């Protein structure tokens, strides 16, 4: 519940930022609608074709039940518990242990696992990972991330409009007003990205909690995250960075290098929470009990 409230608050703040910049800085409601229509059009397409784009970008291959019987059995059992339709199952031929889910709703869902995750996970740990991915679908996280991306894109469009056509109201209020408007237009897109990343992290926490609730075994996922994190530090994954936030753990960690992780700025712009904090929250769930 806390993660959901945080998401609502962040989306509300992002929406207010869009309105303030469009009306207060550009000085016209037309700018608001133009920016939202352009951003909405781009993200409407991304939302409805998110599954196809994500699967193609990650080179995921659709597999039948006889090819991955264990994965099919686990997902079918979890989907029944969560009262969801059976999603399509895909395999990514990559040694890094990882997984993701996509699809705009449960009827159009797909779950993808890497060959690496199948090699190092026990059945119980794999169940924890797959429950986490089904939770993303059940929680409509694709929709939430699309709304956040739309508003962030709108702010970027507003900044470009101001550069092309002038700063609107603030440019008519003298040099100080123009400077203030310019600073707002520069900082607002950065703030939007930070908020979007914070929303992504909150959805990861919520998927951890929801997935653990489906299985009733939070420590399954905690152990799996520890394994995935250790392997992800040393095993690179050839994946399009545009889809990295979909994975249960950032697949680009090994390519970025350790020196760029851990600082405050790195955390602000990270799509995933620190794995240590995720594990701690899952352990707290276990010790609190049902």
Protein backbone atom coordinates (compact mmCIF):
# COMPACT_ATOMS: atom_id res chain seq x y z
CA UNK A 1 0.00 0.00 0.00
CA UNK A 2 2.86 2.41 0.85
CA UNK A 3 4.47 1.87 -2.56
CA UNK A 4 1.14 2.45 -4.32
CA UNK A 5 0.56 5.70 -2.40
CA UNK A 6 4.09 6.81 -3.23
CA UNK A 7 3.45 6.11 -6.92
CA UNK A 8 0.22 8.13 -6.87
CA UNK A 9 2.00 11.00 -5.12
CA UNK A 10 4.88 11.00 -7.61
CA UNK A 11 2.52 10.89 -10.59
CA UNK A 12 0.53 13.76 -9.08
CA UNK A 13 3.68 15.81 -8.57
CA UNK A 14 4.79 15.08 -12.13
CA UNK A 15 1.39 16.13 -13.45
CA UNK A 16 1.55 19.38 -11.46
CA UNK A 17 5.02 20.05 -12.85
CA UNK A 18 3.70 19.61 -16.40
CA UNK A 19 0.88 22.08 -15.73
CA UNK A 20 3.11 24.68 -14.05
CA UNK A 21 5.65 24.64 -16.86
CA UNK A 22 3.03 24.73 -19.62
CA UNK A 23 0.95 27.53 -18.12
CA UNK A 24 3.38 29.38 -15.87
CA UNK A 25 6.44 29.38 -18.12
CA UNK A 26 5.07 29.07 -21.64
CA UNK A 27 2.16 31.27 -20.62
CA UNK A 28 -0.44 29.59 -22.78
CA UNK A 29 -2.77 26.63 -22.45
CA UNK A 30 -2.19 25.79 -26.13
CA UNK A 31 1.34 24.70 -25.24
CA UNK A 32 -0.03 22.29 -22.68
CA UNK A 33 -2.32 20.55 -25.14
CA UNK A 34 0.20 20.48 -27.97
CA UNK A 35 2.83 18.92 -25.71
CA UNK A 36 0.43 16.41 -24.20
CA UNK A 37 -0.97 15.40 -27.59
CA UNK A 38 2.51 14.83 -29.04
CA UNK A 39 3.73 12.97 -25.96
CA UNK A 40 0.46 11.05 -25.66
CA UNK A 41 0.58 9.96 -29.29
CA UNK A 42 4.10 8.59 -28.94
CA UNK A 43 3.35 6.75 -25.73
CA UNK A 44 -0.06 5.49 -26.90
CA UNK A 45 1.79 3.61 -29.61
CA UNK A 46 4.42 2.42 -27.11
CA UNK A 47 1.72 1.25 -24.68
CA UNK A 48 -0.24 -0.85 -27.16
CA UNK A 49 2.84 -2.39 -28.74
CA UNK A 50 5.01 -2.51 -25.62
CA UNK A 51 5.09 -6.30 -25.50
CA UNK A 52 6.20 -6.71 -29.12
CA UNK A 53 8.80 -3.95 -28.88
CA UNK A 54 10.26 -5.21 -25.59
CA UNK A 55 10.45 -8.82 -26.74
CA UNK A 56 12.08 -7.83 -30.03
CA UNK A 57 14.56 -5.48 -28.34
CA UNK A 58 15.63 -8.23 -25.92
CA UNK A 59 15.76 -10.91 -28.67
CA UNK A 60 13.28 -13.07 -26.78
CA UNK A 61 12.04 -16.18 -28.54
CA UNK A 62 8.55 -17.59 -28.01
CA UNK A 63 8.79 -21.15 -26.66
CA UNK A 64 6.26 -23.93 -26.31
CA UNK A 65 5.56 -25.97 -23.20
CA UNK A 66 7.65 -28.98 -24.21
CA UNK A 67 10.70 -26.69 -24.48
CA UNK A 68 10.39 -25.17 -20.98
CA UNK A 69 8.03 -27.46 -19.07
CA UNK A 70 9.23 -26.34 -15.62
CA UNK A 71 8.69 -22.64 -16.38
CA UNK A 72 5.26 -23.34 -17.85
CA UNK A 73 4.24 -25.36 -14.80
CA UNK A 74 5.36 -22.68 -12.35
CA UNK A 75 3.77 -19.81 -14.28
CA UNK A 76 0.51 -21.71 -14.76
CA UNK A 77 0.30 -22.39 -11.01
CA UNK A 78 1.10 -18.77 -10.11
CA UNK A 79 -1.31 -17.36 -12.70
CA UNK A 80 -4.10 -19.50 -11.23
CA UNK A 81 -3.28 -18.18 -7.73
CA UNK A 82 -3.31 -14.59 -9.00
CA UNK A 83 -6.48 -15.27 -11.04
CA UNK A 84 -4.75 -14.22 -14.25
CA UNK A 85 -4.74 -15.71 -17.75
CA UNK A 86 -1.70 -17.78 -18.68
CA UNK A 87 0.87 -15.42 -20.27
CA UNK A 88 3.05 -16.28 -23.24
CA UNK A 89 6.50 -17.63 -22.31
CA UNK A 90 9.69 -16.47 -24.02
CA UNK A 91 13.35 -17.42 -23.71
CA UNK A 92 16.31 -15.04 -24.02
CA UNK A 93 19.55 -16.81 -24.92
CA UNK A 94 21.80 -14.87 -22.55
CA UNK A 95 24.05 -16.20 -19.74
CA UNK A 96 23.13 -13.44 -17.29
CA UNK A 97 20.33 -14.57 -14.94
CA UNK A 98 17.40 -12.21 -15.45
CA UNK A 99 13.72 -12.03 -16.38
CA UNK A 100 11.00 -9.55 -17.25
CA UNK A 101 7.28 -9.32 -17.97
CA UNK A 102 5.50 -7.05 -20.40
CA UNK A 103 2.04 -6.46 -21.80
CA UNK A 104 -0.55 -3.75 -21.32
CA UNK A 105 -2.88 -6.03 -19.32
CA UNK A 106 -3.09 -9.66 -18.14
CA UNK A 107 -4.75 -10.78 -21.40
CA UNK A 108 -1.77 -9.52 -23.42
CA UNK A 109 1.03 -10.49 -21.04
CA UNK A 110 4.32 -12.16 -21.81
CA UNK A 111 7.04 -13.40 -19.47
CA UNK A 112 10.63 -13.77 -20.64
CA UNK A 113 13.45 -15.58 -18.84
CA UNK A 114 17.12 -15.83 -19.74
CA UNK A 115 18.88 -19.14 -20.17
CA UNK A 116 21.21 -18.02 -17.38
CA UNK A 117 18.45 -17.78 -14.78
CA UNK A 118 17.33 -21.32 -15.52
CA UNK A 119 20.84 -22.60 -14.84
CA UNK A 120 21.38 -21.15 -11.35
CA UNK A 121 17.94 -20.98 -9.73
CA UNK A 122 16.27 -23.62 -7.63
CA UNK A 123 12.61 -24.26 -8.41
CA UNK A 124 11.59 -22.22 -5.35
CA UNK A 125 13.79 -19.26 -6.30
CA UNK A 126 12.54 -19.34 -9.88
CA UNK A 127 8.98 -19.33 -8.53
CA UNK A 128 9.79 -16.17 -6.56
CA UNK A 129 11.14 -14.44 -9.67
CA UNK A 130 8.19 -15.44 -11.84
CA UNK A 131 5.71 -14.33 -9.17
CA UNK A 132 7.44 -10.93 -9.15
CA UNK A 133 7.01 -10.67 -12.92
CA UNK A 134 3.34 -11.66 -12.84
CA UNK A 135 2.83 -9.02 -10.13
CA UNK A 136 4.06 -6.35 -12.54
CA UNK A 137 1.32 -7.36 -14.97
CA UNK A 138 -1.37 -7.60 -12.29
CA UNK A 139 -0.39 -4.19 -10.90
CA UNK A 140 -0.67 -2.58 -14.38
CA UNK A 141 2.89 -1.30 -14.15
CA UNK A 142 3.20 -0.96 -17.93
CA UNK A 143 0.32 1.52 -17.84
CA UNK A 144 1.84 3.42 -14.90
CA UNK A 145 5.26 3.67 -16.54
CA UNK A 146 3.64 4.80 -19.80
CA UNK A 147 1.77 7.63 -18.05
CA UNK A 148 5.00 8.72 -16.33
CA UNK A 149 6.90 8.56 -19.62
CA UNK A 150 4.18 10.60 -21.36
CA UNK A 151 4.42 13.43 -18.84
CA UNK A 152 8.23 13.38 -18.88
CA UNK A 153 8.17 13.52 -22.68
CA UNK A 154 5.70 16.42 -22.55
CA UNK A 155 8.10 18.43 -20.38
CA UNK A 156 10.92 17.83 -22.87
CA UNK A 157 8.63 18.98 -25.67
CA UNK A 158 7.73 22.12 -23.70
CA UNK A 159 11.42 22.94 -23.30
CA UNK A 160 11.98 22.65 -27.06
CA UNK A 161 8.88 24.72 -27.80
CA UNK A 162 10.17 27.49 -25.55
CA UNK A 163 13.54 27.49 -27.32
CA UNK A 164 11.89 27.59 -30.74
CA UNK A 165 9.09 30.06 -30.06
CA UNK A 166 10.23 32.02 -27.01
CA UNK A 167 9.51 31.76 -23.32
CA UNK A 168 5.94 33.04 -23.35
CA UNK A 169 4.79 34.91 -20.24
CA UNK A 170 8.15 34.98 -18.48
CA UNK A 171 9.97 36.47 -21.48
CA UNK A 172 7.61 39.45 -21.30
CA UNK A 173 8.35 40.05 -17.62
CA UNK A 174 11.86 41.33 -18.16
CA UNK A 175 15.32 39.69 -17.92
CA UNK A 176 14.72 38.12 -14.52
CA UNK A 177 11.50 36.54 -15.67
CA UNK A 178 13.17 35.22 -18.80
CA UNK A 179 16.09 33.79 -16.80
CA UNK A 180 13.71 32.16 -14.33
CA UNK A 181 11.68 30.66 -17.14
CA UNK A 182 14.81 29.36 -18.84
CA UNK A 183 16.04 27.74 -15.63
CA UNK A 184 12.63 26.14 -15.10
CA UNK A 185 12.64 24.73 -18.61
CA UNK A 186 16.14 23.32 -18.14
CA UNK A 187 15.53 21.85 -14.70
CA UNK A 188 11.98 20.57 -15.23
CA UNK A 189 12.92 17.76 -17.69
CA UNK A 190 15.71 16.67 -15.32
CA UNK A 191 13.26 16.64 -12.42
CA UNK A 192 10.81 14.66 -14.58
CA UNK A 193 13.43 11.98 -15.27
CA UNK A 194 14.27 11.74 -11.55
CA UNK A 195 10.57 11.37 -10.70
CA UNK A 196 10.09 8.78 -13.44
CA UNK A 197 13.00 6.77 -12.05
CA UNK A 198 11.54 7.04 -8.54
CA UNK A 199 8.24 5.67 -9.86
CA UNK A 200 10.09 2.78 -11.49
CA UNK A 201 11.82 1.96 -8.18
CA UNK A 202 8.54 2.12 -6.26
CA UNK A 203 6.95 -0.32 -8.73
CA UNK A 204 9.85 -2.73 -8.23
CA UNK A 205 9.31 -2.65 -4.47
CA UNK A 206 5.59 -3.21 -5.00
CA UNK A 207 6.18 -6.12 -7.39
CA UNK A 208 8.51 -7.69 -4.81
CA UNK A 209 5.81 -7.40 -2.15
CA UNK A 210 2.97 -8.54 -4.41
CA UNK A 211 4.99 -11.45 -5.79
CA UNK A 212 5.93 -12.58 -2.28
CA UNK A 213 2.26 -12.41 -1.33
CA UNK A 214 1.35 -14.69 -4.25
CA UNK A 215 3.84 -17.37 -3.21
CA UNK A 216 3.62 -16.75 0.54
CA UNK A 217 7.42 -17.18 0.64
CA UNK A 218 9.28 -13.82 0.60
CA UNK A 219 12.66 -15.48 1.20
CA UNK A 220 12.40 -17.33 -2.13
CA UNK A 221 12.61 -14.03 -3.98
CA UNK A 222 15.20 -12.62 -1.55
CA UNK A 223 17.57 -15.51 -2.29
CA UNK A 224 16.92 -15.20 -6.01
CA UNK A 225 17.67 -11.45 -6.00
CA UNK A 226 20.95 -12.07 -4.21
CA UNK A 227 22.01 -14.60 -6.85
CA UNK A 228 20.88 -12.37 -9.72
CA UNK A 229 22.72 -9.37 -8.30
CA UNK A 230 26.01 -11.22 -7.80
CA UNK A 231 25.91 -12.68 -11.30
CA UNK A 232 24.78 -9.39 -12.85
CA UNK A 233 27.89 -7.64 -11.51
CA UNK A 234 30.20 -9.90 -13.51
CA UNK A 235 28.17 -11.29 -16.44
CA UNK A 236 27.33 -8.70 -19.11
CA UNK A 237 24.09 -8.87 -21.07
CA UNK A 238 23.64 -7.75 -24.65
CA UNK A 239 20.35 -5.87 -24.36
CA UNK A 240 18.88 -2.62 -25.61
CA UNK A 241 19.15 -0.10 -22.71
CA UNK A 242 15.66 1.16 -23.59
CA UNK A 243 14.14 -2.00 -22.09
CA UNK A 244 16.54 -2.44 -19.16
CA UNK A 245 14.02 -1.11 -16.62
CA UNK A 246 11.65 -3.99 -17.42
CA UNK A 247 14.02 -6.62 -16.03
CA UNK A 248 13.90 -7.76 -12.42
CA UNK A 249 17.47 -6.48 -12.07
CA UNK A 250 19.28 -3.90 -14.20
CA UNK A 251 20.93 -5.99 -16.95
CA UNK A 252 23.46 -3.26 -17.80
CA UNK A 253 25.26 -3.27 -14.44
CA UNK A 254 28.28 -5.26 -15.60
CA UNK A 255 28.73 -3.03 -18.66
CA UNK A 256 28.54 0.19 -16.62
CA UNK A 257 31.13 -0.96 -14.10
CA UNK A 258 31.16 -0.84 -10.32
CA UNK A 259 32.62 2.65 -10.14
CA UNK A 260 29.39 4.21 -11.38
CA UNK A 261 27.12 2.53 -8.86
CA UNK A 262 26.33 3.31 -5.27
CA UNK A 263 26.49 7.11 -5.15
CA UNK A 264 23.57 9.40 -4.44
CA UNK A 265 23.32 10.65 -8.03
CA UNK A 266 23.50 7.10 -9.35
CA UNK A 267 20.61 6.08 -7.10
CA UNK A 268 18.51 9.07 -8.20
CA UNK A 269 18.78 8.04 -11.84
CA UNK A 270 18.50 4.30 -11.23
CA UNK A 271 15.47 2.36 -12.47
CA UNK A 272 15.92 -0.30 -9.76
CA UNK A 273 16.25 0.05 -5.98
CA UNK A 274 19.44 -1.22 -4.29
CA UNK A 275 19.19 -4.99 -4.07
CA UNK A 276 20.20 -4.89 -0.41
CA UNK A 277 17.14 -2.79 0.40
CA UNK A 278 14.87 -5.09 -1.60
CA UNK A 279 16.20 -8.13 0.24
CA UNK A 280 15.81 -6.38 3.61
CA UNK A 281 12.17 -5.57 2.89
CA UNK A 282 11.46 -9.15 1.86
CA UNK A 283 13.11 -10.47 5.03
CA UNK A 284 10.99 -8.06 7.06
CA UNK A 285 7.88 -9.44 5.36
CA UNK A 286 8.93 -12.96 6.32
CA UNK A 287 9.60 -12.15 9.98
CA UNK A 288 6.39 -10.12 10.33
CA UNK A 289 4.42 -13.07 9.04
CA UNK A 290 0.98 -13.04 7.42
